């Protein structure tokens, strides 16, 4: 069984909010794409990305 987790953390710099995205996978999971952006500064873009990723 292959396990991949997407970790999303909200961060704030002064008055700006952004979301950091990281992917964690078991050692036996082969590399896969497409490459993920590591930061989102718009909640709608993040939501759209996650909802499209699950298809």
C-alpha atoms as a PDB file:
ATOM      1  CA  UNK A   1       0.000   0.000   0.000  1.00  0.00           C
ATOM      2  CA  UNK A   2       1.352   3.425  -0.913  1.00  0.00           C
ATOM      3  CA  UNK A   3       0.840   6.363   1.409  1.00  0.00           C
ATOM      4  CA  UNK A   4       1.106  10.022   0.428  1.00  0.00           C
ATOM      5  CA  UNK A   5       0.068  12.905   2.661  1.00  0.00           C
ATOM      6  CA  UNK A   6      -0.316  16.574   1.764  1.00  0.00           C
ATOM      7  CA  UNK A   7       0.382  18.868   4.707  1.00  0.00           C
ATOM      8  CA  UNK A   8      -0.980  22.431   4.579  1.00  0.00           C
ATOM      9  CA  UNK A   9       0.044  25.015   7.166  1.00  0.00           C
ATOM     10  CA  UNK A  10      -1.241  28.563   7.391  1.00  0.00           C
ATOM     11  CA  UNK A  11       1.447  31.143   8.110  1.00  0.00           C
ATOM     12  CA  UNK A  12       1.424  34.892   8.463  1.00  0.00           C
ATOM     13  CA  UNK A  13       4.023  37.532   7.634  1.00  0.00           C
ATOM     14  CA  UNK A  14       3.025  40.967   8.930  1.00  0.00           C
ATOM     15  CA  UNK A  15      -0.532  41.394   7.597  1.00  0.00           C
ATOM     16  CA  UNK A  16      -0.305  38.792   4.822  1.00  0.00           C
ATOM     17  CA  UNK A  17      -1.559  35.227   5.198  1.00  0.00           C
ATOM     18  CA  UNK A  18      -0.229  32.404   3.096  1.00  0.00           C
ATOM     19  CA  UNK A  19      -0.335  28.622   3.070  1.00  0.00           C
ATOM     20  CA  UNK A  20       2.696  26.350   2.866  1.00  0.00           C
ATOM     21  CA  UNK A  21       2.148  22.997   1.127  1.00  0.00           C
ATOM     22  CA  UNK A  22       4.386  19.975   1.674  1.00  0.00           C
ATOM     23  CA  UNK A  23       4.118  16.405   0.455  1.00  0.00           C
ATOM     24  CA  UNK A  24       5.231  13.493   2.600  1.00  0.00           C
ATOM     25  CA  UNK A  25       5.393   9.984   1.143  1.00  0.00           C
ATOM     26  CA  UNK A  26       6.489   6.545   2.274  1.00  0.00           C
ATOM     27  CA  UNK A  27       9.943   5.504   1.072  1.00  0.00           C
ATOM     28  CA  UNK A  28       8.492   2.924  -1.338  1.00  0.00           C
ATOM     29  CA  UNK A  29       6.365   5.515  -3.205  1.00  0.00           C
ATOM     30  CA  UNK A  30       7.996   6.330  -6.557  1.00  0.00           C
ATOM     31  CA  UNK A  31       8.529   9.987  -7.491  1.00  0.00           C
ATOM     32  CA  UNK A  32       5.455  11.554  -9.093  1.00  0.00           C
ATOM     33  CA  UNK A  33       4.375  14.875 -10.520  1.00  0.00           C
ATOM     34  CA  UNK A  34       3.486  17.432 -11.379  1.00  0.00           C
ATOM     35  CA  UNK A  35       5.680  19.529  -9.109  1.00  0.00           C
ATOM     36  CA  UNK A  36       3.718  21.290  -6.392  1.00  0.00           C
ATOM     37  CA  UNK A  37       3.970  24.984  -5.607  1.00  0.00           C
ATOM     38  CA  UNK A  38       5.233  25.314  -2.036  1.00  0.00           C
ATOM     39  CA  UNK A  39       3.343  28.524  -1.205  1.00  0.00           C
ATOM     40  CA  UNK A  40      -0.146  29.812  -1.915  1.00  0.00           C
ATOM     41  CA  UNK A  41      -1.059  33.395  -1.078  1.00  0.00           C
ATOM     42  CA  UNK A  42      -4.701  33.038  -2.078  1.00  0.00           C
ATOM     43  CA  UNK A  43      -7.101  30.692  -0.241  1.00  0.00           C
ATOM     44  CA  UNK A  44      -9.254  30.203  -3.343  1.00  0.00           C
ATOM     45  CA  UNK A  45      -6.240  29.083  -5.398  1.00  0.00           C
ATOM     46  CA  UNK A  46      -5.275  26.615  -2.665  1.00  0.00           C
ATOM     47  CA  UNK A  47      -8.803  25.228  -2.471  1.00  0.00           C
ATOM     48  CA  UNK A  48      -9.008  24.848  -6.248  1.00  0.00           C
ATOM     49  CA  UNK A  49      -5.625  23.118  -6.341  1.00  0.00           C
ATOM     50  CA  UNK A  50      -6.539  20.606  -3.617  1.00  0.00           C
ATOM     51  CA  UNK A  51      -9.957  19.831  -5.092  1.00  0.00           C
ATOM     52  CA  UNK A  52      -8.449  19.231  -8.547  1.00  0.00           C
ATOM     53  CA  UNK A  53      -5.599  17.120  -7.115  1.00  0.00           C
ATOM     54  CA  UNK A  54      -7.984  14.499  -5.775  1.00  0.00           C
ATOM     55  CA  UNK A  55      -9.507  13.736  -9.208  1.00  0.00           C
END
